[in-house]
C-alpha atoms as a PDB file:
ATOM      1  CA  MET A   1      46.137  50.286  -7.400  1.00  0.00           C
ATOM      2  CA  THR A   2      47.994  49.694 -10.616  1.00  0.00           C
ATOM      3  CA  GLN A   3      46.364  46.309 -11.029  1.00  0.00           C
ATOM      4  CA  THR A   4      42.884  47.768 -10.511  1.00  0.00           C
ATOM      5  CA  SER A   5      43.356  50.695 -12.898  1.00  0.00           C
ATOM      6  CA  ALA A   6      44.544  48.271 -15.566  1.00  0.00           C
ATOM      7  CA  THR A   7      41.238  46.330 -15.459  1.00  0.00           C
ATOM      8  CA  PRO A   8      39.723  46.672 -18.936  1.00  0.00           C
ATOM      9  CA  LEU A   9      36.174  47.784 -19.481  1.00  0.00           C
ATOM     10  CA  PRO A  10      33.878  45.560 -21.550  1.00  0.00           C
ATOM     11  CA  PRO A  11      32.161  46.964 -24.649  1.00  0.00           C
ATOM     12  CA  PRO A  12      29.100  49.180 -24.077  1.00  0.00           C
ATOM     13  CA  GLU A  13      26.674  46.392 -25.070  1.00  0.00           C
ATOM     14  CA  GLU A  14      28.294  44.034 -22.578  1.00  0.00           C
ATOM     15  CA  ARG A  15      28.041  46.650 -19.838  1.00  0.00           C
ATOM     16  CA  ARG A  16      24.292  46.869 -20.297  1.00  0.00           C
ATOM     17  CA  ARG A  17      23.897  43.094 -20.516  1.00  0.00           C
ATOM     18  CA  LEU A  18      25.769  42.551 -17.243  1.00  0.00           C
ATOM     19  CA  ARG A  19      23.641  45.150 -15.480  1.00  0.00           C
ATOM     20  CA  GLU A  20      20.381  43.642 -16.732  1.00  0.00           C
ATOM     21  CA  ALA A  21      21.550  40.110 -15.910  1.00  0.00           C
ATOM     22  CA  ALA A  22      22.081  41.240 -12.323  1.00  0.00           C
ATOM     23  CA  SER A  23      18.613  42.891 -12.273  1.00  0.00           C
ATOM     24  CA  LEU A  24      20.110  46.329 -11.510  1.00  0.00           C
ATOM     25  CA  THR A  25      18.787  49.662 -12.691  1.00  0.00           C
ATOM     26  CA  GLN A  26      20.951  52.461 -14.068  1.00  0.00           C
ATOM     27  CA  ALA A  27      20.218  54.504 -10.950  1.00  0.00           C
ATOM     28  CA  GLN A  28      21.482  51.677  -8.709  1.00  0.00           C
ATOM     29  CA  VAL A  29      24.707  51.395 -10.718  1.00  0.00           C
ATOM     30  CA  ALA A  30      25.143  55.158 -10.592  1.00  0.00           C
ATOM     31  CA  ALA A  31      24.784  55.172  -6.809  1.00  0.00           C
ATOM     32  CA  GLN A  32      27.466  52.483  -6.465  1.00  0.00           C
ATOM     33  CA  VAL A  33      30.063  54.208  -8.660  1.00  0.00           C
ATOM     34  CA  GLY A  34      29.268  57.775  -7.561  1.00  0.00           C
ATOM     35  CA  ALA A  35      27.858  59.082 -10.855  1.00  0.00           C
ATOM     36  CA  SER A  36      24.521  60.217 -12.209  1.00  0.00           C
ATOM     37  CA  ARG A  37      21.986  58.076 -14.019  1.00  0.00           C
ATOM     38  CA  GLU A  38      22.535  60.009 -17.255  1.00  0.00           C
ATOM     39  CA  THR A  39      26.276  59.342 -17.013  1.00  0.00           C
ATOM     40  CA  VAL A  40      25.737  55.591 -16.663  1.00  0.00           C
ATOM     41  CA  ARG A  41      23.355  55.670 -19.630  1.00  0.00           C
ATOM     42  CA  ALA A  42      26.032  57.443 -21.677  1.00  0.00           C
ATOM     43  CA  TRP A  43      28.591  54.817 -20.658  1.00  0.00           C
ATOM     44  CA  GLU A  44      26.270  52.008 -21.781  1.00  0.00           C
ATOM     45  CA  ASN A  45      25.491  53.775 -25.065  1.00  0.00           C
ATOM     46  CA  GLY A  46      29.173  54.339 -25.797  1.00  0.00           C
ATOM     47  CA  ARG A  47      28.882  58.098 -26.032  1.00  0.00           C
ATOM     48  CA  THR A  48      31.329  58.651 -23.174  1.00  0.00           C
ATOM     49  CA  THR A  49      33.945  56.651 -21.289  1.00  0.00           C
ATOM     50  CA  PRO A  50      34.461  56.756 -17.514  1.00  0.00           C
ATOM     51  CA  ARG A  51      37.706  58.209 -16.216  1.00  0.00           C
ATOM     52  CA  GLY A  52      39.649  58.290 -12.980  1.00  0.00           C
ATOM     53  CA  HIS A  53      38.210  56.746  -9.832  1.00  0.00           C
ATOM     54  CA  ARG A  54      34.822  56.329 -11.501  1.00  0.00           C
ATOM     55  CA  LYS A  55      36.389  54.131 -14.163  1.00  0.00           C
ATOM     56  CA  GLU A  56      38.055  52.081 -11.416  1.00  0.00           C
ATOM     57  CA  ALA A  57      34.811  51.661  -9.477  1.00  0.00           C
ATOM     58  CA  TYR A  58      32.827  50.947 -12.657  1.00  0.00           C
ATOM     59  CA  ALA A  59      35.363  48.342 -13.803  1.00  0.00           C
ATOM     60  CA  GLN A  60      35.280  46.577 -10.412  1.00  0.00           C
ATOM     61  CA  LEU A  61      31.474  46.545 -10.435  1.00  0.00           C
ATOM     62  CA  LEU A  62      31.307  45.111 -13.952  1.00  0.00           C
ATOM     63  CA  SER A  63      33.946  42.506 -13.070  1.00  0.00           C
ATOM     64  CA  SER A  64      31.943  41.339 -10.059  1.00  0.00           C
ATOM     65  CA  LEU A  65      28.748  41.281 -12.123  1.00  0.00           C
ATOM     66  CA  ALA A  66      30.492  39.221 -14.795  1.00  0.00           C
ATOM     67  CA  ALA A  67      31.682  36.680 -12.207  1.00  0.00           C
ATOM     68  CA  GLN A  68      28.230  36.520 -10.656  1.00  0.00           C
ATOM     69  CA  THR A  69      26.570  36.048 -14.044  1.00  0.00           C
ATOM     70  CA  ALA A  70      29.041  33.315 -14.990  1.00  0.00           C
ATOM     71  CA  ALA A  71      28.336  31.485 -11.741  1.00  0.00           C
ATOM     72  CA  GLN A  72      24.580  31.748 -12.266  1.00  0.00           C
ATOM     73  CA  GLU A  73      24.900  30.495 -15.814  1.00  0.00           C
ATOM     74  CA  ALA A  74      27.000  27.544 -14.637  1.00  0.00           C
ATOM     75  CA  VAL A  75      24.414  26.695 -11.995  1.00  0.00           C
ATOM     76  CA  GLY A  76      21.668  27.051 -14.559  1.00  0.00           C
ATOM     77  CA  GLU A  77      23.441  24.765 -17.002  1.00  0.00           C
ATOM     78  CA  ALA A  78      24.040  22.202 -14.255  1.00  0.00           C
ATOM     79  CA  GLU A  79      20.377  22.371 -13.249  1.00  0.00           C
ATOM     80  CA  VAL A  80      19.266  21.946 -16.848  1.00  0.00           C
ATOM     81  CA  THR A  81      21.597  18.970 -17.230  1.00  0.00           C
ATOM     82  CA  TRP A  82      20.286  17.440 -14.003  1.00  0.00           C
ATOM     83  CA  ARG A  83      16.695  17.972 -15.080  1.00  0.00           C
ATOM     84  CA  GLN A  84      17.373  16.374 -18.428  1.00  0.00           C
ATOM     85  CA  GLN A  85      18.966  13.385 -16.755  1.00  0.00           C
ATOM     86  CA  SER A  86      16.254  13.139 -14.121  1.00  0.00           C
ATOM     87  CA  THR A  87      13.473  13.342 -16.699  1.00  0.00           C
ATOM     88  CA  ARG A  88      14.817  10.432 -18.679  1.00  0.00           C
ATOM     89  CA  PRO A  89      12.287   7.620 -18.588  1.00  0.00           C
ATOM     90  CA  LEU A  90      13.275   4.940 -16.089  1.00  0.00           C
ATOM     91  CA  THR A  91      12.490   1.316 -16.526  1.00  0.00           C
ATOM     92  CA  PRO A  92      10.036  -0.163 -13.997  1.00  0.00           C
ATOM     93  CA  ALA A  93      12.871  -2.084 -12.348  1.00  0.00           C
ATOM     94  CA  GLN A  94      15.003   1.054 -11.982  1.00  0.00           C
ATOM     95  CA  ALA A  95      12.105   3.046 -10.519  1.00  0.00           C
ATOM     96  CA  PHE A  96      11.288   0.217  -8.095  1.00  0.00           C
ATOM     97  CA  ASP A  97      14.928  -0.100  -7.013  1.00  0.00           C
ATOM     98  CA  ALA A  98      15.111   3.656  -6.392  1.00  0.00           C
ATOM     99  CA  LEU A  99      11.977   3.584  -4.237  1.00  0.00           C
ATOM    100  CA  TYR A 100      13.249   0.545  -2.340  1.00  0.00           C
ATOM    101  CA  ALA A 101      16.668   2.087  -1.675  1.00  0.00           C
ATOM    102  CA  PHE A 102      15.003   5.255  -0.424  1.00  0.00           C
ATOM    103  CA  CYS A 103      12.340   3.705   1.829  1.00  0.00           C
ATOM    104  CA  ALA A 104      13.327   0.187   2.874  1.00  0.00           C
ATOM    105  CA  PRO A 105      16.105   0.861   5.462  1.00  0.00           C
ATOM    106  CA  ALA A 106      14.065   3.362   7.475  1.00  0.00           C
ATOM    107  CA  LEU A 107      10.849   1.376   7.037  1.00  0.00           C
ATOM    108  CA  VAL A 108      12.406  -1.748   8.566  1.00  0.00           C
ATOM    109  CA  ARG A 109      13.394   0.216  11.690  1.00  0.00           C
ATOM    110  CA  GLN A 110       9.935   1.793  11.932  1.00  0.00           C
ATOM    111  CA  THR A 111       8.232  -1.583  11.636  1.00  0.00           C
ATOM    112  CA  TYR A 112      10.476  -2.916  14.392  1.00  0.00           C
ATOM    113  CA  LEU A 113       9.098  -0.229  16.725  1.00  0.00           C
ATOM    114  CA  LEU A 114       5.612  -1.308  15.669  1.00  0.00           C
ATOM    115  CA  THR A 115       6.085  -5.031  16.374  1.00  0.00           C
ATOM    116  CA  GLY A 116       9.155  -5.435  18.582  1.00  0.00           C
ATOM    117  CA  ARG A 117      10.310  -8.282  16.313  1.00  0.00           C
ATOM    118  CA  ARG A 118      13.311  -7.892  14.037  1.00  0.00           C
ATOM    119  CA  GLU A 119      12.539 -10.785  11.701  1.00  0.00           C
ATOM    120  CA  LEU A 120       8.876  -9.816  11.389  1.00  0.00           C
ATOM    121  CA  ALA A 121       9.895  -6.242  10.558  1.00  0.00           C
ATOM    122  CA  ARG A 122      12.126  -7.407   7.705  1.00  0.00           C
ATOM    123  CA  GLU A 123       9.491  -9.837   6.447  1.00  0.00           C
ATOM    124  CA  SER A 124       6.755  -7.189   6.539  1.00  0.00           C
ATOM    125  CA  VAL A 125       8.798  -4.714   4.513  1.00  0.00           C
ATOM    126  CA  GLU A 126       9.796  -7.350   1.958  1.00  0.00           C
ATOM    127  CA  ARG A 127       6.198  -8.519   1.565  1.00  0.00           C
ATOM    128  CA  ALA A 128       5.031  -4.924   1.155  1.00  0.00           C
ATOM    129  CA  PHE A 129       7.548  -4.302  -1.619  1.00  0.00           C
ATOM    130  CA  GLN A 130       6.661  -7.627  -3.234  1.00  0.00           C
ATOM    131  CA  PHE A 131       3.030  -6.502  -3.399  1.00  0.00           C
ATOM    132  CA  ALA A 132       4.214  -3.142  -4.737  1.00  0.00           C
ATOM    133  CA  TRP A 133       6.187  -4.837  -7.527  1.00  0.00           C
ATOM    134  CA  GLN A 134       3.192  -7.007  -8.440  1.00  0.00           C
ATOM    135  CA  ARG A 135       1.034  -3.858  -8.666  1.00  0.00           C
ATOM    136  CA  TRP A 136       3.752  -1.536  -9.863  1.00  0.00           C
ATOM    137  CA  PRO A 137       1.688   0.463 -12.397  1.00  0.00           C
ATOM    138  CA  GLU A 138      -0.767   1.325  -9.620  1.00  0.00           C
ATOM    139  CA  VAL A 139       1.974   2.162  -7.110  1.00  0.00           C
ATOM    140  CA  ALA A 140       3.997   4.203  -9.624  1.00  0.00           C
ATOM    141  CA  ARG A 141       0.979   6.421 -10.344  1.00  0.00           C
ATOM    142  CA  ASP A 142       0.180   6.894  -6.655  1.00  0.00           C
ATOM    143  CA  ARG A 143       0.751  10.377  -5.247  1.00  0.00           C
ATOM    144  CA  ASP A 144       2.773   8.913  -2.365  1.00  0.00           C
ATOM    145  CA  PRO A 145       4.369   5.567  -3.288  1.00  0.00           C
ATOM    146  CA  ALA A 146       6.334   5.541  -0.029  1.00  0.00           C
ATOM    147  CA  GLY A 147       3.108   5.925   1.939  1.00  0.00           C
ATOM    148  CA  TRP A 148       1.491   3.106  -0.049  1.00  0.00           C
ATOM    149  CA  VAL A 149       4.330   0.734   0.810  1.00  0.00           C
ATOM    150  CA  ARG A 150       4.442   1.893   4.448  1.00  0.00           C
ATOM    151  CA  ALA A 151       0.707   1.314   4.923  1.00  0.00           C
ATOM    152  CA  THR A 152       0.993  -2.170   3.396  1.00  0.00           C
ATOM    153  CA  ALA A 153       3.961  -3.051   5.605  1.00  0.00           C
ATOM    154  CA  TYR A 154       2.175  -1.832   8.748  1.00  0.00           C
ATOM    155  CA  ASP A 155      -0.974  -3.801   7.881  1.00  0.00           C
ATOM    156  CA  PHE A 156       1.007  -6.993   7.410  1.00  0.00           C
ATOM    157  CA  ALA A 157       3.064  -6.428  10.574  1.00  0.00           C
ATOM    158  CA  LEU A 158      -0.030  -5.850  12.737  1.00  0.00           C
ATOM    159  CA  SER A 159      -1.925  -8.882  11.415  1.00  0.00           C
ATOM    160  CA  PRO A 160      -3.244 -10.962  14.343  1.00  0.00           C
ATOM    161  CA  TRP A 161      -2.537 -14.210  12.469  1.00  0.00           C
ATOM    162  CA  HIS A 162       1.177 -13.988  13.253  1.00  0.00           C
ATOM    163  CA  ARG A 163       0.496 -15.235  16.788  1.00  0.00           C
ATOM    164  CA  PHE A 164      -0.348 -18.679  15.350  1.00  0.00           C
ATOM    165  CA  ARG A 165       2.932 -19.010  13.465  1.00  0.00           C
ATOM    166  CA  PRO A 166       5.491 -21.149  15.334  1.00  0.00           C
ATOM    167  CA  ARG A 167       8.386 -18.807  14.574  1.00  0.00           C
ATOM    168  CA  TYR A 168       6.638 -15.875  16.271  1.00  0.00           C
ATOM    169  CA  ARG A 169       5.211 -17.589  19.355  1.00  0.00           C
ATOM    170  CA  HIS A 170       8.147 -16.674  21.567  1.00  0.00           C
ATOM    171  CA  PRO A 171       9.392 -13.102  22.182  1.00  0.00           C
ATOM    172  CA  GLU A 172      12.704 -11.935  20.765  1.00  0.00           C
ATOM    173  CA  PRO A 173      15.612 -10.643  22.898  1.00  0.00           C
ATOM    174  CA  PRO A 174      14.946  -7.053  23.999  1.00  0.00           C
ATOM    175  CA  PRO A 175      17.344  -4.155  23.325  1.00  0.00           C
ATOM    176  CA  ALA A 176      20.524  -4.032  25.344  1.00  0.00           C
ATOM    177  CA  ASP A 177      20.013  -0.531  26.745  1.00  0.00           C
ATOM    178  CA  ALA A 178      17.656  -0.247  29.743  1.00  0.00           C
ATOM    179  CA  SER A 179      16.007   2.965  28.540  1.00  0.00           C
ATOM    180  CA  ASP A 180      15.426   1.431  25.116  1.00  0.00           C
ATOM    181  CA  ARG A 181      13.859  -1.623  26.712  1.00  0.00           C
ATOM    182  CA  ALA A 182      11.555   0.533  28.790  1.00  0.00           C
ATOM    183  CA  LEU A 183      10.408   2.596  25.800  1.00  0.00           C
ATOM    184  CA  LEU A 184       9.855  -0.475  23.603  1.00  0.00           C
ATOM    185  CA  ASP A 185       7.915  -2.166  26.408  1.00  0.00           C
ATOM    186  CA  VAL A 186       5.623   0.856  26.686  1.00  0.00           C
ATOM    187  CA  LEU A 187       5.081   0.943  22.930  1.00  0.00           C
ATOM    188  CA  LEU A 188       4.217  -2.736  22.699  1.00  0.00           C
ATOM    189  CA  LYS A 189       1.654  -2.448  25.511  1.00  0.00           C
ATOM    190  CA  LEU A 190      -0.283   0.183  23.565  1.00  0.00           C
ATOM    191  CA  PRO A 191      -3.245  -0.997  21.471  1.00  0.00           C
ATOM    192  CA  PRO A 192      -2.186  -1.423  17.831  1.00  0.00           C
ATOM    193  CA  PRO A 193      -4.234   1.565  16.523  1.00  0.00           C
ATOM    194  CA  GLN A 194      -2.716   3.888  19.148  1.00  0.00           C
ATOM    195  CA  ARG A 195       0.772   2.507  18.550  1.00  0.00           C
ATOM    196  CA  ARG A 196       0.413   3.072  14.810  1.00  0.00           C
ATOM    197  CA  ALA A 197      -0.865   6.629  15.214  1.00  0.00           C
ATOM    198  CA  LEU A 198       1.950   7.486  17.641  1.00  0.00           C
ATOM    199  CA  LEU A 199       4.608   6.057  15.347  1.00  0.00           C
ATOM    200  CA  LEU A 200       3.295   7.840  12.262  1.00  0.00           C
ATOM    201  CA  TYR A 201       2.854  11.206  13.962  1.00  0.00           C
ATOM    202  CA  ASP A 202       5.740  11.370  16.432  1.00  0.00           C
ATOM    203  CA  GLY A 203       8.058   8.868  14.772  1.00  0.00           C
ATOM    204  CA  VAL A 204       7.725   9.353  11.021  1.00  0.00           C
ATOM    205  CA  GLY A 205       6.659  12.995  11.307  1.00  0.00           C
ATOM    206  CA  LEU A 206       3.371  12.981   9.382  1.00  0.00           C
ATOM    207  CA  ASP A 207       0.758  15.581  10.154  1.00  0.00           C
ATOM    208  CA  LEU A 208      -2.614  14.653  11.617  1.00  0.00           C
ATOM    209  CA  PRO A 209      -4.632  14.405   8.347  1.00  0.00           C
ATOM    210  CA  GLU A 210      -1.918  12.279   6.729  1.00  0.00           C
ATOM    211  CA  THR A 211      -1.778  10.051   9.793  1.00  0.00           C
ATOM    212  CA  ALA A 212      -5.562   9.647   9.722  1.00  0.00           C
ATOM    213  CA  ALA A 213      -5.562   8.858   6.001  1.00  0.00           C
ATOM    214  CA  GLU A 214      -2.821   6.254   6.319  1.00  0.00           C
ATOM    215  CA  SER A 215      -4.526   4.700   9.356  1.00  0.00           C
ATOM    216  CA  GLU A 216      -7.870   4.651   7.501  1.00  0.00           C
ATOM    217  CA  ALA A 217      -9.561   6.504  10.340  1.00  0.00           C
ATOM    218  CA  SER A 218     -11.160   9.896  10.787  1.00  0.00           C
ATOM    219  CA  THR A 219      -9.090  12.834  11.945  1.00  0.00           C
ATOM    220  CA  PRO A 220     -10.879  13.152  15.348  1.00  0.00           C
ATOM    221  CA  ALA A 221     -10.466   9.428  16.019  1.00  0.00           C
ATOM    222  CA  THR A 222      -6.780   9.608  15.122  1.00  0.00           C
ATOM    223  CA  ALA A 223      -6.320  12.628  17.392  1.00  0.00           C
ATOM    224  CA  ARG A 224      -7.894  10.722  20.303  1.00  0.00           C
ATOM    225  CA  ARG A 225      -5.660   7.721  19.662  1.00  0.00           C
ATOM    226  CA  LEU A 226      -2.610   9.949  19.604  1.00  0.00           C
ATOM    227  CA  LEU A 227      -3.555  11.711  22.852  1.00  0.00           C
ATOM    228  CA  HIS A 228      -4.202   8.410  24.644  1.00  0.00           C
ATOM    229  CA  ALA A 229      -0.909   6.983  23.395  1.00  0.00           C
ATOM    230  CA  ARG A 230       1.046  10.044  24.517  1.00  0.00           C
ATOM    231  CA  ALA A 231      -0.642   9.967  27.900  1.00  0.00           C
ATOM    232  CA  ALA A 232       0.243   6.287  28.352  1.00  0.00           C
ATOM    233  CA  VAL A 233       3.877   6.912  27.422  1.00  0.00           C
ATOM    234  CA  ALA A 234       4.121   9.957  29.694  1.00  0.00           C
ATOM    235  CA  ASP A 235       2.556   7.996  32.555  1.00  0.00           C
ATOM    236  CA  ARG A 236       5.212   5.281  32.340  1.00  0.00           C
ATOM    237  CA  LEU A 237       8.087   7.528  31.206  1.00  0.00           C
ATOM    238  CA  PRO A 238       7.542  11.111  32.410  1.00  0.00           C
ATOM    239  CA  ALA A 239      10.716  12.310  30.670  1.00  0.00           C
ATOM    240  CA  LEU A 240       9.013  11.690  27.312  1.00  0.00           C
ATOM    241  CA  SER A 241       6.006  13.901  27.928  1.00  0.00           C
ATOM    242  CA  ASP A 242       7.539  16.456  25.556  1.00  0.00           C
ATOM    243  CA  PRO A 243       6.695  15.494  21.913  1.00  0.00           C
ATOM    244  CA  THR A 244      10.098  16.717  20.731  1.00  0.00           C
ATOM    245  CA  GLU A 245      11.899  14.481  23.204  1.00  0.00           C
ATOM    246  CA  LEU A 246       9.613  11.581  22.311  1.00  0.00           C
ATOM    247  CA  HIS A 247      10.427  12.026  18.615  1.00  0.00           C
ATOM    248  CA  ARG A 248      14.149  12.032  19.391  1.00  0.00           C
ATOM    249  CA  ARG A 249      13.951   8.900  21.539  1.00  0.00           C
ATOM    250  CA  LEU A 250      11.916   7.040  18.926  1.00  0.00           C
ATOM    251  CA  ALA A 251      14.553   7.868  16.326  1.00  0.00           C
ATOM    252  CA  GLU A 252      17.325   6.715  18.659  1.00  0.00           C
ATOM    253  CA  LEU A 253      15.541   3.469  19.490  1.00  0.00           C
ATOM    254  CA  ALA A 254      14.970   2.713  15.801  1.00  0.00           C
ATOM    255  CA  SER A 255      18.588   3.499  14.917  1.00  0.00           C
ATOM    256  CA  ALA A 256      19.992   1.395  17.748  1.00  0.00           C
ATOM    257  CA  GLU A 257      19.008  -1.849  16.011  1.00  0.00           C
ATOM    258  CA  ARG A 258      21.153  -3.039  13.126  1.00  0.00           C
ATOM    259  CA  LEU A 259      18.397  -4.071  10.784  1.00  0.00           C
ATOM    260  CA  ARG A 260      19.259  -4.672   7.157  1.00  0.00           C
ATOM    261  CA  ALA A 261      16.827  -4.992   4.307  1.00  0.00           C
ATOM    262  CA  ALA A 262      17.315  -7.363   1.412  1.00  0.00           C
ATOM    263  CA  LYS A 263      18.616  -6.170  -1.938  1.00  0.00           C
ATOM    264  CA  PRO A 264      16.049  -4.849  -4.448  1.00  0.00           C
ATOM    265  CA  PRO A 265      16.711  -7.583  -7.063  1.00  0.00           C
ATOM    266  CA  THR A 266      16.115 -10.235  -4.404  1.00  0.00           C
ATOM    267  CA  VAL A 267      12.752  -8.710  -3.515  1.00  0.00           C
ATOM    268  CA  ARG A 268      11.738  -8.442  -7.156  1.00  0.00           C
ATOM    269  CA  ASP A 269      12.740 -12.053  -7.832  1.00  0.00           C
ATOM    270  CA  SER A 270      10.799 -13.246  -4.775  1.00  0.00           C
ATOM    271  CA  SER A 271       7.752 -11.309  -5.927  1.00  0.00           C
ATOM    272  CA  GLU A 272       7.938 -12.833  -9.384  1.00  0.00           C
ATOM    273  CA  ARG A 273       8.363 -16.343  -7.958  1.00  0.00           C
ATOM    274  CA  ARG A 274       5.362 -15.824  -5.703  1.00  0.00           C
ATOM    275  CA  ALA A 275       3.316 -14.543  -8.609  1.00  0.00           C
ATOM    276  CA  ARG A 276       4.300 -17.553 -10.728  1.00  0.00           C
ATOM    277  CA  PHE A 277       3.388 -19.923  -7.878  1.00  0.00           C
ATOM    278  CA  TRP A 278      -0.083 -18.481  -7.414  1.00  0.00           C
ATOM    279  CA  THR A 279      -0.622 -18.358 -11.160  1.00  0.00           C
ATOM    280  CA  ARG A 280       0.231 -22.036 -11.468  1.00  0.00           C
ATOM    281  CA  ALA A 281      -1.947 -22.837  -8.454  1.00  0.00           C
ATOM    282  CA  ALA A 282      -4.868 -21.004 -10.066  1.00  0.00           C
ATOM    283  CA  ILE A 283      -4.306 -22.863 -13.338  1.00  0.00           C
ATOM    284  CA  ALA A 284      -4.179 -26.213 -11.512  1.00  0.00           C
ATOM    285  CA  PHE A 285      -7.380 -25.412  -9.625  1.00  0.00           C
ATOM    286  CA  THR A 286      -9.093 -24.402 -12.860  1.00  0.00           C
ATOM    287  CA  VAL A 287      -7.987 -27.599 -14.612  1.00  0.00           C
ATOM    288  CA  THR A 288      -9.225 -29.680 -11.655  1.00  0.00           C
ATOM    289  CA  LEU A 289     -12.568 -27.914 -11.714  1.00  0.00           C
ATOM    290  CA  ILE A 290     -12.909 -28.466 -15.477  1.00  0.00           C
ATOM    291  CA  GLY A 291     -12.034 -32.163 -15.093  1.00  0.00           C
ATOM    292  CA  THR A 292     -14.549 -32.615 -12.304  1.00  0.00           C
ATOM    293  CA  THR A 293     -17.244 -30.933 -14.369  1.00  0.00           C
ATOM    294  CA  ALA A 294     -16.440 -33.093 -17.404  1.00  0.00           C
ATOM    295  CA  LEU A 295     -16.589 -36.279 -15.297  1.00  0.00           C
ATOM    296  CA  THR A 296     -19.914 -35.234 -13.857  1.00  0.00           C
ATOM    297  CA  LEU A 297     -21.323 -34.606 -17.305  1.00  0.00           C
ATOM    298  CA  ARG A 298     -19.982 -37.956 -18.537  1.00  0.00           C
ATOM    299  CA  THR A 299     -21.535 -40.023 -15.746  1.00  0.00           C
ATOM    300  CA  ALA A 300     -24.796 -38.123 -15.403  1.00  0.00           C
ATOM    301  CA  PRO A 301     -28.035 -39.699 -16.817  1.00  0.00           C
ATOM    302  CA  THR A 302     -28.931 -38.677 -20.381  1.00  0.00           C
ATOM    303  CA  ARG A 303     -32.716 -38.576 -19.936  1.00  0.00           C
ATOM    304  CA  TYR A 304     -35.083 -37.434 -17.291  1.00  0.00           C
ATOM    305  CA  GLU A 305     -36.251 -40.093 -14.900  1.00  0.00           C
ATOM    306  CA  PRO A 306     -39.105 -38.896 -12.767  1.00  0.00           C
ATOM    307  CA  PRO A 307     -38.881 -39.966  -9.182  1.00  0.00           C
ATOM    308  CA  VAL A 308     -41.220 -42.642  -7.852  1.00  0.00           C
ATOM    309  CA  PRO A 309     -44.004 -40.856  -6.071  1.00  0.00           C
ATOM    310  CA  PRO A 310     -44.821 -42.005  -2.578  1.00  0.00           C
ATOM    311  CA  GLY A 311     -47.908 -44.125  -2.011  1.00  0.00           C
ATOM    312  CA  GLN A 312     -51.220 -42.311  -1.716  1.00  0.00           C
ATOM    313  CA  THR A 313     -54.519 -43.325  -0.126  1.00  0.00           C
ATOM    314  CA  VAL A 314     -57.231 -44.232  -2.677  1.00  0.00           C
ATOM    315  CA  LEU A 315     -60.480 -42.556  -1.837  1.00  0.00           C
ATOM    316  CA  GLY A 316     -64.061 -43.701  -2.640  1.00  0.00           C
ATOM    317  CA  VAL A 317     -63.544 -47.455  -1.975  1.00  0.00           C
ATOM    318  CA  PRO A 318     -66.173 -48.805   0.400  1.00  0.00           C
ATOM    319  CA  PRO A 319     -64.775 -50.571   3.397  1.00  0.00           C
ATOM    320  CA  LYS A 320     -64.970 -54.323   3.715  1.00  0.00           C
ATOM    321  CA  VAL A 321     -68.038 -55.628   5.503  1.00  0.00           C
ATOM    322  CA  ALA A 322     -67.514 -58.471   7.875  1.00  0.00           C
ATOM    323  CA  PRO A 323     -69.714 -61.580   7.183  1.00  0.00           C
ATOM    324  CA  GLY A 324     -72.842 -61.677   9.290  1.00  0.00           C
ATOM    325  CA  PRO A 325     -75.775 -64.107   9.791  1.00  0.00           C
ATOM    326  CA  LEU A 326     -77.601 -65.137   6.590  1.00  0.00           C
ATOM    327  CA  SER A 327     -81.222 -64.380   6.102  1.00  0.00           C
ATOM    328  CA  GLU A 328     -83.773 -67.147   5.440  1.00  0.00           C
ATOM    329  CA  ARG A 329     -83.744 -66.448   1.725  1.00  0.00           C
ATOM    330  CA  GLU A 330     -79.953 -66.605   1.587  1.00  0.00           C
ATOM    331  CA  VAL A 331     -79.941 -69.846   3.528  1.00  0.00           C
ATOM    332  CA  GLU A 332     -82.479 -71.323   1.126  1.00  0.00           C
ATOM    333  CA  LEU A 333     -80.460 -70.216  -1.868  1.00  0.00           C
ATOM    334  CA  ARG A 334     -77.254 -71.715  -0.476  1.00  0.00           C
ATOM    335  CA  ARG A 335     -78.994 -75.033   0.146  1.00  0.00           C
ATOM    336  CA  LYS A 336     -80.392 -75.082  -3.345  1.00  0.00           C
ATOM    337  CA  LEU A 337     -77.017 -74.355  -4.929  1.00  0.00           C
ATOM    338  CA  ARG A 338     -75.317 -77.089  -2.949  1.00  0.00           C
ATOM    339  CA  GLU A 339     -77.943 -79.638  -3.978  1.00  0.00           C
ATOM    340  CA  GLU A 340     -77.923 -78.745  -7.634  1.00  0.00           C
ATOM    341  CA  THR A 341     -74.184 -78.599  -8.065  1.00  0.00           C
ATOM    342  CA  ALA A 342     -73.866 -82.256  -9.078  1.00  0.00           C
ATOM    343  CA  SER A 343     -77.449 -83.310  -9.879  1.00  0.00           C
ATOM    344  CA  GLY A 344     -78.852 -80.030 -11.033  1.00  0.00           C
ATOM    345  CA  PRO A 345     -79.051 -78.567 -14.505  1.00  0.00           C
ATOM    346  CA  VAL A 346     -76.158 -79.296 -16.891  1.00  0.00           C
ATOM    347  CA  ARG A 347     -74.969 -75.762 -16.968  1.00  0.00           C
ATOM    348  CA  LEU A 348     -73.983 -75.947 -13.343  1.00  0.00           C
ATOM    349  CA  VAL A 349     -71.688 -78.955 -13.724  1.00  0.00           C
ATOM    350  CA  PRO A 350     -68.099 -78.165 -14.731  1.00  0.00           C
ATOM    351  CA  GLU A 351     -67.038 -79.751 -17.948  1.00  0.00           C
ATOM    352  CA  THR A 352     -63.905 -81.862 -18.333  1.00  0.00           C
ATOM    353  CA  ARG A 353     -61.947 -81.714 -21.585  1.00  0.00           C
END
């Protein structure tokens, strides 16, 4: 009691400030200390000073308000400091590393449920982040960068061309637990669109429109895929007919595998090496094309040479007439010419020079 009565009262201006900082009215303060509203107003104006048990109650109330205000101010200062630090511009590499650290570990486990292959899951996530780093301005401005990377990783993981790669021709060892093996076997027997919809909705926790948008399908089509996938899982594993239980088992199955993603600098370096390779390949192809064009221009003819037209039939020429019997006049003329060739007129004899 002695300690409480010795609690000093702050100045009148401070009393009012503490009350307003706590969003209390004068009537509310008066009800707590057992006084009237006019009395509290007089205390805050400095016209009067509380005495006795009212002073004790008023001092305790102001002390608690001061502690509460100090705590709120400390939290506010910490929040302001955090906001200032968080609003500092990050370099592209720092922003990419933050996104990778936040998404990559969980995304590798999700992709494993999608494919049933550990190495393919890691490769798909790394390739997705490599594409993201190559197109970082576009990804950084996206409303959902994590969704952009997840959609890219799922597309790469579900590509049908992986079946022709030698490293993925044989299945990988299944999970050690029997229940995990059964659930993974059911998932892998689902068609890829149904498997993807089930994983996004019941595994990741997206709502139906977000699942449809990420699957690039309409909302009704996505809902049908989800219902068919749930029915197939419930038919094989009746204990997972409850969506809540299915969500829990998917999370357990994904967490059971020790899948590690590569470090962010490694992914960025791989992306840059890949970009340099394709850039050099494009330059080499362009140089080859230019050289081929130059060689063609160098060896091509310099003037136009019309092609030789094919032979055509000449019209209007009378056909040859086969020799027939001579008439009497023609016979007489032939005889006369034969006789006069040597002994006839001079003009019919050939001259020798």
